[in-house]
Amino acid sequence: MRRYVALSAAVLVLPVAAAHWVQEPEQPTEQHEFLQEGVGRWTAEATLFMPGVPDGIPMTWVENATALGEYWVLSDVEGSFMGMPFKGHGQVGYDPQAKEFRATWIDNMSSFMGISTGRKDGDAFILEGDAPFMDGPVRTQWSVATYRDDGTRLDQHFALLDDDEEFMWMEAVSTRLPDDDESGETSDR
C-alpha cells in the first residue's frame, strides 16, 4: 500500500514539474550561487552551552556538503558528543517565489525534524525556526553562519528563552578540508 501511495504521488507531481521545466527552464539565482560556497568537506570544533552550566561542552564533527544540481546543498555530519556518536543530515535551498532560503535538519539524537527559513544579511546567513530546545519546550531558534576571510566558517546557534533572553547554545568554527585529504573522498565543488 505504501509503495502505491508513493508511486501515485510521483505520478501526479512529475508531469507538473516537467511541464514547467519544458516551458521555462529555471535559472539559478545569486542566492543559489551563494549556497555553493558551503559545498565541500569541513571539520568543525564546537562548544555546546547549556543554561545554568558554566563551562561549555566540546563537540567535533566532519561535514560533507554536496551539491544537488545548482539549487540544493545536502550536508551529512558525523562526529561525537560527550562520547556518543552523532550523525545528522541537512538540506538547504533557495525558493525564488517565496524569496527565502528553506532548510531541514534531522539527527540521531532527536525525533524532531527541524524546518527553518532564512535570509542573507550582509556576510551572515541566518536560518530561523521553532524546535524543541534542550530544556524541553519548543522555542524559537536561529543560526548565523559567516564565511570569514581566513577561509573558515563561524556558526553560532541561538534560542529565545522564557524571559526573551537570547541564549547562544553553540558556537563552531569549521575549516574546509582539501579535496584530496587522507579520507580519499573529494567534494563536488
Foldseek 3Di string as FASTA:
>chain_A
DVVVVVVVVCVVPVVVVVVVCVVPNDDDDVQLVVVCLPAAKKKKWKWFDDPPDPGTFIWIWIWHWADPPSFKIKIWIWTDGPRHIKIKIKMWGADVVVRWIWMWMDIPVDPDIWIWIWDDDPQWTKTWDWDADPVGDIWIKMKIWGQDPVRKIWIWIWTQDPVRDTDTGMIMIMHGDAQCPPVRHGTPD
